[in-house]
């Protein structure tokens, strides 16, 4: 994947960006950040762009951490179920075969 360049607008600021990947994706991410900054600005009494940007970054980071924790919980539960199935198989394999119980 090559480096792409794109001009995006976030919270009224035009930025020339360079990133690995797809210009369309870069535009999509910029629209997402712009939208989130506008939401934070609407809820905040601050007009300081830097504060709004930091609050937005903290909100997005919090969502990322929550997603990671959720994914980790799901993986942990999946591993526990898999381990339980393996233990059951081992226990079944270790049981002596019942003699005289053929149908």
N, C-alpha and C. Protein backbone atom coordinates (compact mmCIF):
# COMPACT_ATOMS: atom_id res chain seq x y z
N UNK A 1 0.84 -1.16 0.00
CA UNK A 1 0.00 0.00 0.00
C UNK A 1 0.89 1.23 0.00
N UNK A 2 0.60 2.19 -0.85
CA UNK A 2 1.43 3.37 -0.97
C UNK A 2 0.96 4.51 -0.09
N UNK A 3 1.77 5.54 -0.09
CA UNK A 3 1.44 6.74 0.67
C UNK A 3 0.52 7.61 -0.17
N UNK A 4 -0.52 8.12 0.48
CA UNK A 4 -1.46 9.01 -0.20
C UNK A 4 -1.41 10.37 0.47
N UNK A 5 -1.75 11.39 -0.32
CA UNK A 5 -1.85 12.75 0.20
C UNK A 5 -3.27 13.22 -0.01
N UNK A 6 -3.78 13.94 0.99
CA UNK A 6 -5.13 14.47 0.88
C UNK A 6 -5.24 15.74 1.70
N UNK A 7 -6.09 16.65 1.24
CA UNK A 7 -6.41 17.83 2.02
C UNK A 7 -7.77 17.59 2.65
N UNK A 8 -7.82 17.72 3.96
CA UNK A 8 -9.07 17.49 4.69
C UNK A 8 -9.40 18.74 5.48
N UNK A 9 -10.65 18.82 5.89
CA UNK A 9 -11.06 19.93 6.75
C UNK A 9 -11.63 19.35 8.03
N UNK A 10 -11.03 19.77 9.13
CA UNK A 10 -11.47 19.32 10.44
C UNK A 10 -11.68 20.55 11.30
N UNK A 11 -12.92 20.73 11.74
CA UNK A 11 -13.29 21.83 12.63
C UNK A 11 -12.85 23.18 12.08
N UNK A 12 -13.07 23.34 10.77
CA UNK A 12 -12.78 24.61 10.12
C UNK A 12 -11.32 24.80 9.72
N UNK A 13 -10.49 23.83 9.98
CA UNK A 13 -9.07 23.92 9.64
C UNK A 13 -8.77 23.00 8.46
N UNK A 14 -8.18 23.55 7.41
CA UNK A 14 -7.76 22.73 6.27
C UNK A 14 -6.37 22.19 6.58
N UNK A 15 -6.23 20.89 6.42
CA UNK A 15 -4.96 20.22 6.72
C UNK A 15 -4.53 19.37 5.55
N UNK A 16 -3.28 19.47 5.19
CA UNK A 16 -2.70 18.58 4.19
C UNK A 16 -2.11 17.39 4.92
N UNK A 17 -2.62 16.21 4.61
CA UNK A 17 -2.18 15.01 5.31
C UNK A 17 -1.54 14.03 4.35
N UNK A 18 -0.66 13.23 4.91
CA UNK A 18 -0.03 12.16 4.17
C UNK A 18 -0.12 10.92 5.04
N UNK A 19 -0.57 9.81 4.45
CA UNK A 19 -0.74 8.59 5.24
C UNK A 19 -0.62 7.38 4.33
N UNK A 20 -0.33 6.25 4.96
CA UNK A 20 -0.34 4.99 4.21
C UNK A 20 -1.79 4.59 4.02
N UNK A 21 -2.12 4.12 2.83
CA UNK A 21 -3.46 3.59 2.64
C UNK A 21 -4.23 4.27 1.53
N UNK A 22 -5.47 4.54 1.84
CA UNK A 22 -6.47 4.96 0.87
C UNK A 22 -6.93 6.39 1.17
N UNK A 23 -6.95 7.24 0.15
CA UNK A 23 -7.37 8.64 0.32
C UNK A 23 -8.83 8.72 0.76
N UNK A 24 -9.65 7.83 0.26
CA UNK A 24 -11.07 7.83 0.64
C UNK A 24 -11.21 7.54 2.13
N UNK A 25 -10.45 6.59 2.61
CA UNK A 25 -10.50 6.26 4.05
C UNK A 25 -9.99 7.44 4.87
N UNK A 26 -8.97 8.09 4.42
CA UNK A 26 -8.44 9.26 5.13
C UNK A 26 -9.50 10.35 5.22
N UNK A 27 -10.23 10.57 4.14
CA UNK A 27 -11.32 11.56 4.15
C UNK A 27 -12.42 11.14 5.13
N UNK A 28 -12.74 9.86 5.14
CA UNK A 28 -13.77 9.33 6.05
C UNK A 28 -13.37 9.54 7.51
N UNK A 29 -12.12 9.26 7.81
CA UNK A 29 -11.62 9.45 9.18
C UNK A 29 -11.67 10.92 9.56
N UNK A 30 -11.27 11.79 8.64
CA UNK A 30 -11.31 13.23 8.90
C UNK A 30 -12.74 13.70 9.16
N UNK A 31 -13.70 13.19 8.40
CA UNK A 31 -15.11 13.56 8.63
C UNK A 31 -15.57 13.09 10.01
N UNK A 32 -15.12 11.89 10.39
CA UNK A 32 -15.47 11.36 11.71
C UNK A 32 -14.93 12.26 12.82
N UNK A 33 -13.66 12.62 12.72
CA UNK A 33 -13.04 13.48 13.74
C UNK A 33 -13.72 14.84 13.76
N UNK A 34 -14.00 15.39 12.59
CA UNK A 34 -14.69 16.68 12.51
C UNK A 34 -16.05 16.60 13.20
N UNK A 35 -16.78 15.54 12.92
CA UNK A 35 -18.11 15.36 13.53
C UNK A 35 -18.00 15.26 15.04
N UNK A 36 -17.04 14.48 15.52
CA UNK A 36 -16.87 14.32 16.97
C UNK A 36 -16.46 15.62 17.64
N UNK A 37 -15.60 16.39 16.98
CA UNK A 37 -15.20 17.68 17.55
C UNK A 37 -16.39 18.62 17.63
N UNK A 38 -17.24 18.60 16.64
CA UNK A 38 -18.44 19.47 16.65
C UNK A 38 -19.40 19.04 17.77
N UNK A 39 -19.52 17.73 17.99
CA UNK A 39 -20.35 17.26 19.10
C UNK A 39 -19.80 17.74 20.44
N UNK A 40 -18.50 17.62 20.63
CA UNK A 40 -17.87 18.07 21.87
C UNK A 40 -18.05 19.57 22.03
N UNK A 41 -17.86 20.32 20.95
CA UNK A 41 -18.01 21.79 21.01
C UNK A 41 -19.43 22.18 21.37
N UNK A 42 -20.41 21.45 20.87
CA UNK A 42 -21.81 21.74 21.19
C UNK A 42 -22.11 21.51 22.67
N UNK A 43 -21.43 20.54 23.29
CA UNK A 43 -21.67 20.23 24.70
C UNK A 43 -20.79 21.04 25.64
N UNK A 44 -19.78 21.70 25.09
CA UNK A 44 -18.79 22.39 25.91
C UNK A 44 -19.01 23.90 25.85
N UNK A 45 -18.65 24.56 26.92
CA UNK A 45 -18.73 26.02 26.93
C UNK A 45 -17.45 26.64 26.38
N UNK A 46 -16.44 25.81 26.14
CA UNK A 46 -15.15 26.30 25.66
C UNK A 46 -15.19 26.58 24.16
N UNK A 47 -14.51 27.63 23.76
CA UNK A 47 -14.35 27.92 22.34
C UNK A 47 -12.91 27.70 21.91
N UNK A 48 -12.08 27.23 22.84
CA UNK A 48 -10.68 26.96 22.56
C UNK A 48 -10.56 25.67 21.75
N UNK A 49 -10.10 25.80 20.53
CA UNK A 49 -10.01 24.65 19.63
C UNK A 49 -9.10 23.56 20.18
N UNK A 50 -8.02 23.95 20.83
CA UNK A 50 -7.09 22.95 21.38
C UNK A 50 -7.79 22.14 22.47
N UNK A 51 -8.53 22.81 23.35
CA UNK A 51 -9.25 22.08 24.41
C UNK A 51 -10.29 21.15 23.81
N UNK A 52 -10.99 21.62 22.81
CA UNK A 52 -12.00 20.78 22.15
C UNK A 52 -11.34 19.58 21.49
N UNK A 53 -10.19 19.79 20.87
CA UNK A 53 -9.46 18.70 20.23
C UNK A 53 -9.00 17.68 21.27
N UNK A 54 -8.50 18.16 22.41
CA UNK A 54 -8.03 17.24 23.46
C UNK A 54 -9.20 16.46 24.04
N UNK A 55 -10.32 17.13 24.31
CA UNK A 55 -11.50 16.44 24.83
C UNK A 55 -12.00 15.40 23.84
N UNK A 56 -11.98 15.75 22.57
CA UNK A 56 -12.40 14.81 21.53
C UNK A 56 -11.46 13.60 21.50
N UNK A 57 -10.16 13.86 21.56
CA UNK A 57 -9.19 12.77 21.55
C UNK A 57 -9.40 11.85 22.76
N UNK A 58 -9.67 12.44 23.92
CA UNK A 58 -9.92 11.63 25.12
C UNK A 58 -11.18 10.78 24.96
N UNK A 59 -12.23 11.36 24.40
CA UNK A 59 -13.47 10.60 24.18
C UNK A 59 -13.25 9.43 23.22
N UNK A 60 -12.54 9.69 22.12
CA UNK A 60 -12.28 8.63 21.15
C UNK A 60 -11.38 7.56 21.76
N UNK A 61 -10.37 7.98 22.53
CA UNK A 61 -9.48 7.01 23.19
C UNK A 61 -10.26 6.17 24.19
N UNK A 62 -11.19 6.78 24.93
CA UNK A 62 -12.01 6.02 25.88
C UNK A 62 -12.82 4.96 25.16
N UNK A 63 -13.42 5.31 24.02
CA UNK A 63 -14.18 4.34 23.24
C UNK A 63 -13.27 3.21 22.75
N UNK A 64 -12.07 3.55 22.32
CA UNK A 64 -11.12 2.54 21.86
C UNK A 64 -10.77 1.58 22.99
N UNK A 65 -10.49 2.11 24.17
CA UNK A 65 -10.15 1.26 25.31
C UNK A 65 -11.32 0.36 25.68
N UNK A 66 -12.54 0.90 25.65
CA UNK A 66 -13.72 0.08 25.96
C UNK A 66 -13.86 -1.04 24.95
N UNK A 67 -13.64 -0.75 23.66
CA UNK A 67 -13.71 -1.78 22.63
C UNK A 67 -12.67 -2.86 22.86
N UNK A 68 -11.47 -2.44 23.18
CA UNK A 68 -10.40 -3.41 23.43
C UNK A 68 -10.75 -4.30 24.61
N UNK A 69 -11.30 -3.71 25.67
CA UNK A 69 -11.67 -4.49 26.85
C UNK A 69 -12.79 -5.46 26.50
N UNK A 70 -13.77 -5.01 25.73
CA UNK A 70 -14.87 -5.88 25.32
C UNK A 70 -14.34 -7.02 24.48
N UNK A 71 -13.48 -6.71 23.52
CA UNK A 71 -12.90 -7.76 22.69
C UNK A 71 -12.12 -8.74 23.54
N UNK A 72 -11.39 -8.22 24.52
CA UNK A 72 -10.60 -9.09 25.39
C UNK A 72 -11.52 -10.00 26.20
N UNK A 73 -12.64 -9.46 26.71
CA UNK A 73 -13.59 -10.27 27.46
C UNK A 73 -14.17 -11.38 26.58
N UNK A 74 -14.50 -11.05 25.35
CA UNK A 74 -15.06 -12.03 24.43
C UNK A 74 -14.03 -13.12 24.15
N UNK A 75 -12.78 -12.72 23.89
CA UNK A 75 -11.72 -13.71 23.65
C UNK A 75 -11.52 -14.59 24.87
N UNK A 76 -11.54 -13.98 26.07
CA UNK A 76 -11.34 -14.74 27.30
C UNK A 76 -12.44 -15.78 27.47
N UNK A 77 -13.69 -15.39 27.24
CA UNK A 77 -14.81 -16.32 27.37
C UNK A 77 -14.70 -17.45 26.34
N UNK A 78 -14.29 -17.10 25.12
CA UNK A 78 -14.13 -18.12 24.08
C UNK A 78 -13.05 -19.12 24.48
N UNK A 79 -11.94 -18.61 25.01
CA UNK A 79 -10.85 -19.50 25.45
C UNK A 79 -11.29 -20.39 26.61
N UNK A 80 -12.07 -19.83 27.54
CA UNK A 80 -12.55 -20.62 28.68
C UNK A 80 -13.45 -21.75 28.20
N UNK A 81 -14.35 -21.47 27.25
CA UNK A 81 -15.23 -22.52 26.71
C UNK A 81 -14.42 -23.59 25.99
N UNK A 82 -13.44 -23.16 25.24
CA UNK A 82 -12.59 -24.11 24.52
C UNK A 82 -11.83 -25.00 25.52
N UNK A 83 -11.30 -24.39 26.57
CA UNK A 83 -10.57 -25.16 27.59
C UNK A 83 -11.51 -26.15 28.28
N UNK A 84 -12.74 -25.74 28.56
CA UNK A 84 -13.71 -26.65 29.19
C UNK A 84 -13.99 -27.85 28.29
N UNK A 85 -14.15 -27.60 26.98
CA UNK A 85 -14.40 -28.70 26.04
C UNK A 85 -13.21 -29.66 26.01
N UNK A 86 -12.00 -29.10 26.03
CA UNK A 86 -10.80 -29.96 26.02
C UNK A 86 -10.71 -30.79 27.29
N UNK A 87 -11.02 -30.18 28.43
CA UNK A 87 -10.99 -30.92 29.69
C UNK A 87 -12.00 -32.06 29.65
N UNK A 88 -13.19 -31.78 29.13
CA UNK A 88 -14.22 -32.82 29.02
C UNK A 88 -13.74 -33.96 28.14
N UNK A 89 -13.11 -33.65 27.01
CA UNK A 89 -12.60 -34.69 26.12
C UNK A 89 -11.52 -35.52 26.80
N UNK A 90 -10.63 -34.86 27.52
CA UNK A 90 -9.56 -35.58 28.22
C UNK A 90 -10.16 -36.49 29.28
N UNK A 91 -11.13 -35.99 30.04
CA UNK A 91 -11.78 -36.80 31.08
C UNK A 91 -12.47 -38.01 30.47
N UNK A 92 -13.16 -37.80 29.33
CA UNK A 92 -13.84 -38.91 28.66
C UNK A 92 -12.82 -39.94 28.16
N UNK A 93 -11.71 -39.47 27.65
CA UNK A 93 -10.69 -40.38 27.14
C UNK A 93 -10.03 -41.18 28.26
N UNK A 94 -10.01 -40.64 29.45
CA UNK A 94 -9.35 -41.30 30.57
C UNK A 94 -10.28 -42.26 31.31
N UNK A 95 -11.57 -42.21 31.04
CA UNK A 95 -12.51 -43.13 31.70
C UNK A 95 -12.27 -44.54 31.19
N UNK A 96 -12.31 -45.50 32.11
CA UNK A 96 -12.17 -46.89 31.64
C UNK A 96 -13.41 -47.25 30.83
N UNK A 97 -13.18 -48.00 29.77
CA UNK A 97 -14.30 -48.43 28.95
C UNK A 97 -15.15 -49.40 29.73
N UNK A 98 -16.44 -49.28 29.58
CA UNK A 98 -17.35 -50.17 30.30
C UNK A 98 -17.38 -51.52 29.61
N UNK A 99 -17.15 -52.56 30.36
CA UNK A 99 -17.09 -53.92 29.83
C UNK A 99 -18.49 -54.53 29.92
N UNK A 100 -18.88 -55.23 28.86
CA UNK A 100 -20.15 -55.93 28.86
C UNK A 100 -21.33 -55.01 28.62
N UNK A 101 -21.08 -53.86 28.10
CA UNK A 101 -22.16 -52.91 27.87
C UNK A 101 -22.31 -52.69 26.38
N UNK A 102 -22.12 -53.77 25.59
CA UNK A 102 -22.24 -53.65 24.15
C UNK A 102 -23.66 -53.94 23.74
N UNK A 103 -24.19 -53.21 22.82
CA UNK A 103 -25.57 -53.40 22.37
C UNK A 103 -25.62 -54.23 21.14
